[in-house]
């Protein structure tokens, strides 16, 4: 098996410089790509590596958890007879 210039080299954690991390974080926060696209494009192996960078170096506030309540639809309270009448 010879080396080819077209083969992707697997990266290790020590390969990522601070500038590289910040570049990825900026691109993801601007909306140029998703964190999964960044992983694929740049050959980042760890599933949560880019997410960790976003939490550490990004401008978004990750300290508070946002819980969105589920909307209560009026259809959930209808009985079958009411549904038939409405239709």
PDB file of N, CA and C in Angstrom:
ATOM      1  N   UNK A   1       0.834  -1.177   0.000  1.00  0.00           N
ATOM      2  CA  UNK A   1       0.000   0.000   0.000  1.00  0.00           C
ATOM      3  C   UNK A   1       0.879   1.242   0.000  1.00  0.00           C
ATOM      4  N   UNK A   2       0.897   1.970  -1.069  1.00  0.00           N
ATOM      5  CA  UNK A   2       1.726   3.166  -1.154  1.00  0.00           C
ATOM      6  C   UNK A   2       0.973   4.393  -0.705  1.00  0.00           C
ATOM      7  N   UNK A   3       1.703   5.434  -0.434  1.00  0.00           N
ATOM      8  CA  UNK A   3       1.055   6.677  -0.035  1.00  0.00           C
ATOM      9  C   UNK A   3       0.645   7.437  -1.275  1.00  0.00           C
ATOM     10  N   UNK A   4      -0.482   8.066  -1.202  1.00  0.00           N
ATOM     11  CA  UNK A   4      -0.992   8.837  -2.321  1.00  0.00           C
ATOM     12  C   UNK A   4      -1.319  10.242  -1.844  1.00  0.00           C
ATOM     13  N   UNK A   5      -1.213  11.199  -2.729  1.00  0.00           N
ATOM     14  CA  UNK A   5      -1.500  12.574  -2.336  1.00  0.00           C
ATOM     15  C   UNK A   5      -3.000  12.804  -2.172  1.00  0.00           C
ATOM     16  N   UNK A   6      -3.834  11.884  -2.682  1.00  0.00           N
ATOM     17  CA  UNK A   6      -5.278  12.042  -2.585  1.00  0.00           C
ATOM     18  C   UNK A   6      -5.866  11.423  -1.318  1.00  0.00           C
ATOM     19  N   UNK A   7      -5.102  10.626  -0.595  1.00  0.00           N
ATOM     20  CA  UNK A   7      -5.642   9.992   0.601  1.00  0.00           C
ATOM     21  C   UNK A   7      -5.667  10.993   1.750  1.00  0.00           C
ATOM     22  N   UNK A   8      -6.723  10.892   2.545  1.00  0.00           N
ATOM     23  CA  UNK A   8      -6.845  11.779   3.701  1.00  0.00           C
ATOM     24  C   UNK A   8      -6.071  11.181   4.855  1.00  0.00           C
ATOM     25  N   UNK A   9      -5.290  12.020   5.518  1.00  0.00           N
ATOM     26  CA  UNK A   9      -4.530  11.589   6.680  1.00  0.00           C
ATOM     27  C   UNK A   9      -5.389  11.805   7.910  1.00  0.00           C
ATOM     28  N   UNK A  10      -5.509  10.770   8.734  1.00  0.00           N
ATOM     29  CA  UNK A  10      -6.273  10.910   9.960  1.00  0.00           C
ATOM     30  C   UNK A  10      -5.501  11.810  10.911  1.00  0.00           C
ATOM     31  N   UNK A  11      -6.233  12.730  11.523  1.00  0.00           N
ATOM     32  CA  UNK A  11      -5.601  13.701  12.399  1.00  0.00           C
ATOM     33  C   UNK A  11      -5.705  13.244  13.839  1.00  0.00           C
ATOM     34  N   UNK A  12      -4.794  13.715  14.642  1.00  0.00           N
ATOM     35  CA  UNK A  12      -4.856  13.451  16.066  1.00  0.00           C
ATOM     36  C   UNK A  12      -5.187  14.748  16.789  1.00  0.00           C
ATOM     37  N   UNK A  13      -5.501  14.654  18.033  1.00  0.00           N
ATOM     38  CA  UNK A  13      -5.915  15.816  18.803  1.00  0.00           C
ATOM     39  C   UNK A  13      -4.827  16.888  18.827  1.00  0.00           C
ATOM     40  N   UNK A  14      -3.587  16.502  18.807  1.00  0.00           N
ATOM     41  CA  UNK A  14      -2.499  17.473  18.904  1.00  0.00           C
ATOM     42  C   UNK A  14      -2.304  18.290  17.629  1.00  0.00           C
ATOM     43  N   UNK A  15      -2.957  17.902  16.548  1.00  0.00           N
ATOM     44  CA  UNK A  15      -2.780  18.606  15.279  1.00  0.00           C
ATOM     45  C   UNK A  15      -3.523  19.942  15.222  1.00  0.00           C
ATOM     46  N   UNK A  16      -4.500  20.145  16.072  1.00  0.00           N
ATOM     47  CA  UNK A  16      -5.350  21.321  15.946  1.00  0.00           C
ATOM     48  C   UNK A  16      -4.755  22.519  16.677  1.00  0.00           C
ATOM     49  N   UNK A  17      -4.419  23.541  15.917  1.00  0.00           N
ATOM     50  CA  UNK A  17      -3.904  24.764  16.516  1.00  0.00           C
ATOM     51  C   UNK A  17      -5.072  25.635  16.977  1.00  0.00           C
ATOM     52  N   UNK A  18      -4.782  26.597  17.805  1.00  0.00           N
ATOM     53  CA  UNK A  18      -5.820  27.502  18.292  1.00  0.00           C
ATOM     54  C   UNK A  18      -6.443  28.273  17.131  1.00  0.00           C
ATOM     55  N   UNK A  19      -5.629  28.695  16.181  1.00  0.00           N
ATOM     56  CA  UNK A  19      -6.147  29.414  15.016  1.00  0.00           C
ATOM     57  C   UNK A  19      -7.108  28.566  14.195  1.00  0.00           C
ATOM     58  N   UNK A  20      -6.779  27.288  14.035  1.00  0.00           N
ATOM     59  CA  UNK A  20      -7.637  26.356  13.300  1.00  0.00           C
ATOM     60  C   UNK A  20      -8.977  26.211  14.023  1.00  0.00           C
ATOM     61  N   UNK A  21      -8.922  26.035  15.339  1.00  0.00           N
ATOM     62  CA  UNK A  21     -10.146  25.886  16.125  1.00  0.00           C
ATOM     63  C   UNK A  21     -11.025  27.122  15.998  1.00  0.00           C
ATOM     64  N   UNK A  22     -10.419  28.299  16.127  1.00  0.00           N
ATOM     65  CA  UNK A  22     -11.176  29.544  16.053  1.00  0.00           C
ATOM     66  C   UNK A  22     -11.776  29.761  14.669  1.00  0.00           C
ATOM     67  N   UNK A  23     -11.070  29.327  13.647  1.00  0.00           N
ATOM     68  CA  UNK A  23     -11.566  29.441  12.277  1.00  0.00           C
ATOM     69  C   UNK A  23     -12.827  28.585  12.105  1.00  0.00           C
ATOM     70  N   UNK A  24     -12.803  27.369  12.634  1.00  0.00           N
ATOM     71  CA  UNK A  24     -13.953  26.476  12.550  1.00  0.00           C
ATOM     72  C   UNK A  24     -15.117  27.049  13.351  1.00  0.00           C
ATOM     73  N   UNK A  25     -14.840  27.530  14.556  1.00  0.00           N
ATOM     74  CA  UNK A  25     -15.888  28.090  15.415  1.00  0.00           C
ATOM     75  C   UNK A  25     -16.551  29.282  14.734  1.00  0.00           C
ATOM     76  N   UNK A  26     -15.766  30.158  14.141  1.00  0.00           N
ATOM     77  CA  UNK A  26     -16.327  31.329  13.454  1.00  0.00           C
ATOM     78  C   UNK A  26     -17.213  30.916  12.290  1.00  0.00           C
ATOM     79  N   UNK A  27     -16.761  29.944  11.512  1.00  0.00           N
ATOM     80  CA  UNK A  27     -17.529  29.497  10.345  1.00  0.00           C
ATOM     81  C   UNK A  27     -18.861  28.883  10.769  1.00  0.00           C
ATOM     82  N   UNK A  28     -18.844  28.105  11.837  1.00  0.00           N
ATOM     83  CA  UNK A  28     -20.074  27.468  12.310  1.00  0.00           C
ATOM     84  C   UNK A  28     -21.022  28.509  12.896  1.00  0.00           C
ATOM     85  N   UNK A  29     -20.502  29.443  13.670  1.00  0.00           N
ATOM     86  CA  UNK A  29     -21.358  30.462  14.279  1.00  0.00           C
ATOM     87  C   UNK A  29     -21.927  31.434  13.255  1.00  0.00           C
ATOM     88  N   UNK A  30     -21.204  31.685  12.170  1.00  0.00           N
ATOM     89  CA  UNK A  30     -21.726  32.553  11.111  1.00  0.00           C
ATOM     90  C   UNK A  30     -22.792  31.841  10.298  1.00  0.00           C
ATOM     91  N   UNK A  31     -22.828  30.528  10.368  1.00  0.00           N
ATOM     92  CA  UNK A  31     -23.814  29.773   9.611  1.00  0.00           C
ATOM     93  C   UNK A  31     -23.305  29.290   8.268  1.00  0.00           C
ATOM     94  N   UNK A  32     -21.990  29.405   8.042  1.00  0.00           N
ATOM     95  CA  UNK A  32     -21.422  28.937   6.782  1.00  0.00           C
ATOM     96  C   UNK A  32     -21.522  27.424   6.658  1.00  0.00           C
ATOM     97  N   UNK A  33     -21.480  26.733   7.782  1.00  0.00           N
ATOM     98  CA  UNK A  33     -21.576  25.271   7.794  1.00  0.00           C
ATOM     99  C   UNK A  33     -22.047  24.822   9.169  1.00  0.00           C
ATOM    100  N   UNK A  34     -22.536  23.594   9.229  1.00  0.00           N
ATOM    101  CA  UNK A  34     -22.905  23.021  10.516  1.00  0.00           C
ATOM    102  C   UNK A  34     -21.667  22.393  11.129  1.00  0.00           C
ATOM    103  N   UNK A  35     -21.756  22.026  12.410  1.00  0.00           N
ATOM    104  CA  UNK A  35     -20.583  21.425  13.036  1.00  0.00           C
ATOM    105  C   UNK A  35     -20.285  20.063  12.429  1.00  0.00           C
ATOM    106  N   UNK A  36     -21.310  19.357  11.975  1.00  0.00           N
ATOM    107  CA  UNK A  36     -21.090  18.047  11.338  1.00  0.00           C
ATOM    108  C   UNK A  36     -20.417  18.217   9.978  1.00  0.00           C
ATOM    109  N   UNK A  37     -20.802  19.250   9.234  1.00  0.00           N
ATOM    110  CA  UNK A  37     -20.149  19.522   7.959  1.00  0.00           C
ATOM    111  C   UNK A  37     -18.687  19.881   8.182  1.00  0.00           C
ATOM    112  N   UNK A  38     -18.403  20.652   9.216  1.00  0.00           N
ATOM    113  CA  UNK A  38     -17.019  21.017   9.523  1.00  0.00           C
ATOM    114  C   UNK A  38     -16.205  19.782   9.843  1.00  0.00           C
ATOM    115  N   UNK A  39     -16.778  18.853  10.591  1.00  0.00           N
ATOM    116  CA  UNK A  39     -16.081  17.611  10.913  1.00  0.00           C
ATOM    117  C   UNK A  39     -15.725  16.852   9.643  1.00  0.00           C
ATOM    118  N   UNK A  40     -16.674  16.770   8.732  1.00  0.00           N
ATOM    119  CA  UNK A  40     -16.450  16.011   7.504  1.00  0.00           C
ATOM    120  C   UNK A  40     -15.447  16.710   6.586  1.00  0.00           C
ATOM    121  N   UNK A  41     -15.609  18.004   6.415  1.00  0.00           N
ATOM    122  CA  UNK A  41     -14.754  18.765   5.503  1.00  0.00           C
ATOM    123  C   UNK A  41     -13.299  18.765   5.961  1.00  0.00           C
ATOM    124  N   UNK A  42     -13.082  18.972   7.259  1.00  0.00           N
ATOM    125  CA  UNK A  42     -11.724  19.103   7.785  1.00  0.00           C
ATOM    126  C   UNK A  42     -11.161  17.813   8.373  1.00  0.00           C
ATOM    127  N   UNK A  43     -11.908  16.723   8.302  1.00  0.00           N
ATOM    128  CA  UNK A  43     -11.403  15.440   8.765  1.00  0.00           C
ATOM    129  C   UNK A  43     -11.236  15.348  10.269  1.00  0.00           C
ATOM    130  N   UNK A  44     -12.143  15.977  11.001  1.00  0.00           N
ATOM    131  CA  UNK A  44     -12.088  15.941  12.460  1.00  0.00           C
ATOM    132  C   UNK A  44     -12.813  14.685  12.912  1.00  0.00           C
ATOM    133  N   UNK A  45     -12.110  13.811  13.617  1.00  0.00           N
ATOM    134  CA  UNK A  45     -12.665  12.502  13.927  1.00  0.00           C
ATOM    135  C   UNK A  45     -13.637  12.484  15.095  1.00  0.00           C
ATOM    136  N   UNK A  46     -13.366  13.210  16.135  1.00  0.00           N
ATOM    137  CA  UNK A  46     -14.203  13.155  17.331  1.00  0.00           C
ATOM    138  C   UNK A  46     -15.603  13.685  17.067  1.00  0.00           C
ATOM    139  N   UNK A  47     -16.595  12.993  17.590  1.00  0.00           N
ATOM    140  CA  UNK A  47     -17.983  13.406  17.377  1.00  0.00           C
ATOM    141  C   UNK A  47     -18.312  14.719  18.064  1.00  0.00           C
ATOM    142  N   UNK A  48     -17.734  14.956  19.212  1.00  0.00           N
ATOM    143  CA  UNK A  48     -18.072  16.167  19.969  1.00  0.00           C
ATOM    144  C   UNK A  48     -16.947  17.186  19.987  1.00  0.00           C
ATOM    145  N   UNK A  49     -15.920  16.980  19.205  1.00  0.00           N
ATOM    146  CA  UNK A  49     -14.765  17.879  19.221  1.00  0.00           C
ATOM    147  C   UNK A  49     -15.164  19.307  18.859  1.00  0.00           C
ATOM    148  N   UNK A  50     -15.886  19.481  17.767  1.00  0.00           N
ATOM    149  CA  UNK A  50     -16.272  20.827  17.328  1.00  0.00           C
ATOM    150  C   UNK A  50     -17.254  21.443  18.323  1.00  0.00           C
ATOM    151  N   UNK A  51     -18.144  20.634  18.889  1.00  0.00           N
ATOM    152  CA  UNK A  51     -19.072  21.157  19.897  1.00  0.00           C
ATOM    153  C   UNK A  51     -18.314  21.667  21.117  1.00  0.00           C
ATOM    154  N   UNK A  52     -17.283  20.945  21.506  1.00  0.00           N
ATOM    155  CA  UNK A  52     -16.461  21.381  22.635  1.00  0.00           C
ATOM    156  C   UNK A  52     -15.784  22.701  22.317  1.00  0.00           C
ATOM    157  N   UNK A  53     -15.267  22.833  21.098  1.00  0.00           N
ATOM    158  CA  UNK A  53     -14.641  24.094  20.692  1.00  0.00           C
ATOM    159  C   UNK A  53     -15.653  25.217  20.717  1.00  0.00           C
ATOM    160  N   UNK A  54     -16.882  24.961  20.255  1.00  0.00           N
ATOM    161  CA  UNK A  54     -17.918  25.993  20.253  1.00  0.00           C
ATOM    162  C   UNK A  54     -18.224  26.461  21.678  1.00  0.00           C
ATOM    163  N   UNK A  55     -18.270  25.522  22.610  1.00  0.00           N
ATOM    164  CA  UNK A  55     -18.558  25.891  24.000  1.00  0.00           C
ATOM    165  C   UNK A  55     -17.410  26.681  24.618  1.00  0.00           C
ATOM    166  N   UNK A  56     -16.184  26.290  24.308  1.00  0.00           N
ATOM    167  CA  UNK A  56     -15.020  26.950  24.915  1.00  0.00           C
ATOM    168  C   UNK A  56     -14.695  28.292  24.274  1.00  0.00           C
ATOM    169  N   UNK A  57     -14.745  28.347  22.949  1.00  0.00           N
ATOM    170  CA  UNK A  57     -14.215  29.509  22.231  1.00  0.00           C
ATOM    171  C   UNK A  57     -15.279  30.329  21.503  1.00  0.00           C
ATOM    172  N   UNK A  58     -16.510  29.851  21.479  1.00  0.00           N
ATOM    173  CA  UNK A  58     -17.553  30.549  20.743  1.00  0.00           C
ATOM    174  C   UNK A  58     -18.130  31.720  21.514  1.00  0.00           C
ATOM    175  N   UNK A  59     -18.940  32.490  20.840  1.00  0.00           N
ATOM    176  CA  UNK A  59     -19.543  33.670  21.438  1.00  0.00           C
ATOM    177  C   UNK A  59     -20.931  33.381  22.011  1.00  0.00           C
ATOM    178  N   UNK A  60     -21.466  32.200  21.765  1.00  0.00           N
ATOM    179  CA  UNK A  60     -22.792  31.856  22.278  1.00  0.00           C
ATOM    180  C   UNK A  60     -22.698  31.495  23.760  1.00  0.00           C
ATOM    181  N   UNK A  61     -23.777  31.746  24.488  1.00  0.00           N
ATOM    182  CA  UNK A  61     -23.820  31.443  25.920  1.00  0.00           C
ATOM    183  C   UNK A  61     -24.365  30.023  26.108  1.00  0.00           C
ATOM    184  N   UNK A  62     -23.512  29.107  26.518  1.00  0.00           N
ATOM    185  CA  UNK A  62     -23.892  27.706  26.703  1.00  0.00           C
ATOM    186  C   UNK A  62     -24.180  27.397  28.172  1.00  0.00           C
ATOM    187  N   UNK A  63     -24.109  28.397  29.043  1.00  0.00           N
ATOM    188  CA  UNK A  63     -24.232  28.124  30.472  1.00  0.00           C
ATOM    189  C   UNK A  63     -25.677  27.878  30.900  1.00  0.00           C
ATOM    190  N   UNK A  64     -26.638  28.481  30.226  1.00  0.00           N
ATOM    191  CA  UNK A  64     -28.030  28.294  30.605  1.00  0.00           C
ATOM    192  C   UNK A  64     -28.700  27.313  29.657  1.00  0.00           C
ATOM    193  N   UNK A  65     -29.478  26.439  30.237  1.00  0.00           N
ATOM    194  CA  UNK A  65     -30.227  25.489  29.421  1.00  0.00           C
ATOM    195  C   UNK A  65     -31.574  26.101  29.085  1.00  0.00           C
ATOM    196  N   UNK A  66     -31.934  26.045  27.841  1.00  0.00           N
ATOM    197  CA  UNK A  66     -33.202  26.592  27.399  1.00  0.00           C
ATOM    198  C   UNK A  66     -34.165  25.429  27.191  1.00  0.00           C
ATOM    199  N   UNK A  67     -35.256  25.489  27.873  1.00  0.00           N
ATOM    200  CA  UNK A  67     -36.283  24.462  27.715  1.00  0.00           C
ATOM    201  C   UNK A  67     -37.496  25.121  27.079  1.00  0.00           C
ATOM    202  N   UNK A  68     -37.882  24.596  25.944  1.00  0.00           N
ATOM    203  CA  UNK A  68     -39.046  25.122  25.259  1.00  0.00           C
ATOM    204  C   UNK A  68     -40.248  24.259  25.601  1.00  0.00           C
ATOM    205  N   UNK A  69     -41.294  24.870  26.134  1.00  0.00           N
ATOM    206  CA  UNK A  69     -42.477  24.074  26.466  1.00  0.00           C
ATOM    207  C   UNK A  69     -43.191  23.622  25.200  1.00  0.00           C
ATOM    208  N   UNK A  70     -43.760  22.448  25.282  1.00  0.00           N
ATOM    209  CA  UNK A  70     -44.516  21.950  24.143  1.00  0.00           C
ATOM    210  C   UNK A  70     -45.830  22.706  24.073  1.00  0.00           C
ATOM    211  N   UNK A  71     -46.237  23.028  22.870  1.00  0.00           N
ATOM    212  CA  UNK A  71     -47.482  23.765  22.724  1.00  0.00           C
ATOM    213  C   UNK A  71     -48.657  22.829  22.991  1.00  0.00           C
ATOM    214  N   UNK A  72     -49.660  23.386  23.616  1.00  0.00           N
ATOM    215  CA  UNK A  72     -50.860  22.608  23.903  1.00  0.00           C
ATOM    216  C   UNK A  72     -51.862  22.878  22.794  1.00  0.00           C
ATOM    217  N   UNK A  73     -52.031  21.920  21.946  1.00  0.00           N
ATOM    218  CA  UNK A  73     -52.948  22.121  20.831  1.00  0.00           C
ATOM    219  C   UNK A  73     -54.371  21.809  21.292  1.00  0.00           C
ATOM    220  N   UNK A  74     -55.330  22.556  20.789  1.00  0.00           N
ATOM    221  CA  UNK A  74     -56.725  22.310  21.180  1.00  0.00           C
ATOM    222  C   UNK A  74     -57.208  20.944  20.691  1.00  0.00           C
ATOM    223  N   UNK A  75     -56.576  20.411  19.680  1.00  0.00           N
ATOM    224  CA  UNK A  75     -56.998  19.120  19.141  1.00  0.00           C
ATOM    225  C   UNK A  75     -56.755  17.998  20.141  1.00  0.00           C
ATOM    226  N   UNK A  76     -55.776  18.158  21.017  1.00  0.00           N
ATOM    227  CA  UNK A  76     -55.466  17.112  21.984  1.00  0.00           C
ATOM    228  C   UNK A  76     -56.569  16.966  23.019  1.00  0.00           C
ATOM    229  N   UNK A  77     -57.344  18.021  23.275  1.00  0.00           N
ATOM    230  CA  UNK A  77     -58.388  17.989  24.281  1.00  0.00           C
ATOM    231  C   UNK A  77     -59.739  17.541  23.704  1.00  0.00           C
ATOM    232  N   UNK A  78     -59.841  17.464  22.395  1.00  0.00           N
ATOM    233  CA  UNK A  78     -61.106  17.107  21.783  1.00  0.00           C
ATOM    234  C   UNK A  78     -61.425  15.634  21.978  1.00  0.00           C
ATOM    235  N   UNK A  79     -62.689  15.372  22.170  1.00  0.00           N
ATOM    236  CA  UNK A  79     -63.128  13.981  22.174  1.00  0.00           C
ATOM    237  C   UNK A  79     -63.360  13.563  20.735  1.00  0.00           C
ATOM    238  N   UNK A  80     -63.532  12.301  20.519  1.00  0.00           N
ATOM    239  CA  UNK A  80     -63.751  11.830  19.140  1.00  0.00           C
ATOM    240  C   UNK A  80     -65.028  12.401  18.559  1.00  0.00           C
ATOM    241  N   UNK A  81     -66.056  12.578  19.389  1.00  0.00           N
ATOM    242  CA  UNK A  81     -67.306  13.150  18.913  1.00  0.00           C
ATOM    243  C   UNK A  81     -67.116  14.605  18.486  1.00  0.00           C
ATOM    244  N   UNK A  82     -66.315  15.348  19.244  1.00  0.00           N
ATOM    245  CA  UNK A  82     -66.048  16.751  18.893  1.00  0.00           C
ATOM    246  C   UNK A  82     -65.249  16.840  17.602  1.00  0.00           C
ATOM    247  N   UNK A  83     -64.309  15.933  17.418  1.00  0.00           N
ATOM    248  CA  UNK A  83     -63.513  15.902  16.207  1.00  0.00           C
ATOM    249  C   UNK A  83     -64.394  15.663  14.993  1.00  0.00           C
ATOM    250  N   UNK A  84     -65.314  14.702  15.112  1.00  0.00           N
ATOM    251  CA  UNK A  84     -66.218  14.389  14.004  1.00  0.00           C
ATOM    252  C   UNK A  84     -67.107  15.583  13.699  1.00  0.00           C
ATOM    253  N   UNK A  85     -67.606  16.228  14.735  1.00  0.00           N
ATOM    254  CA  UNK A  85     -68.466  17.393  14.534  1.00  0.00           C
ATOM    255  C   UNK A  85     -67.717  18.526  13.859  1.00  0.00           C
ATOM    256  N   UNK A  86     -66.438  18.731  14.286  1.00  0.00           N
ATOM    257  CA  UNK A  86     -65.634  19.798  13.702  1.00  0.00           C
ATOM    258  C   UNK A  86     -65.352  19.531  12.235  1.00  0.00           C
ATOM    259  N   UNK A  87     -65.132  18.286  11.891  1.00  0.00           N
ATOM    260  CA  UNK A  87     -64.829  17.935  10.501  1.00  0.00           C
ATOM    261  C   UNK A  87     -66.075  18.034   9.674  1.00  0.00           C
TER     262      UNK A  87
END
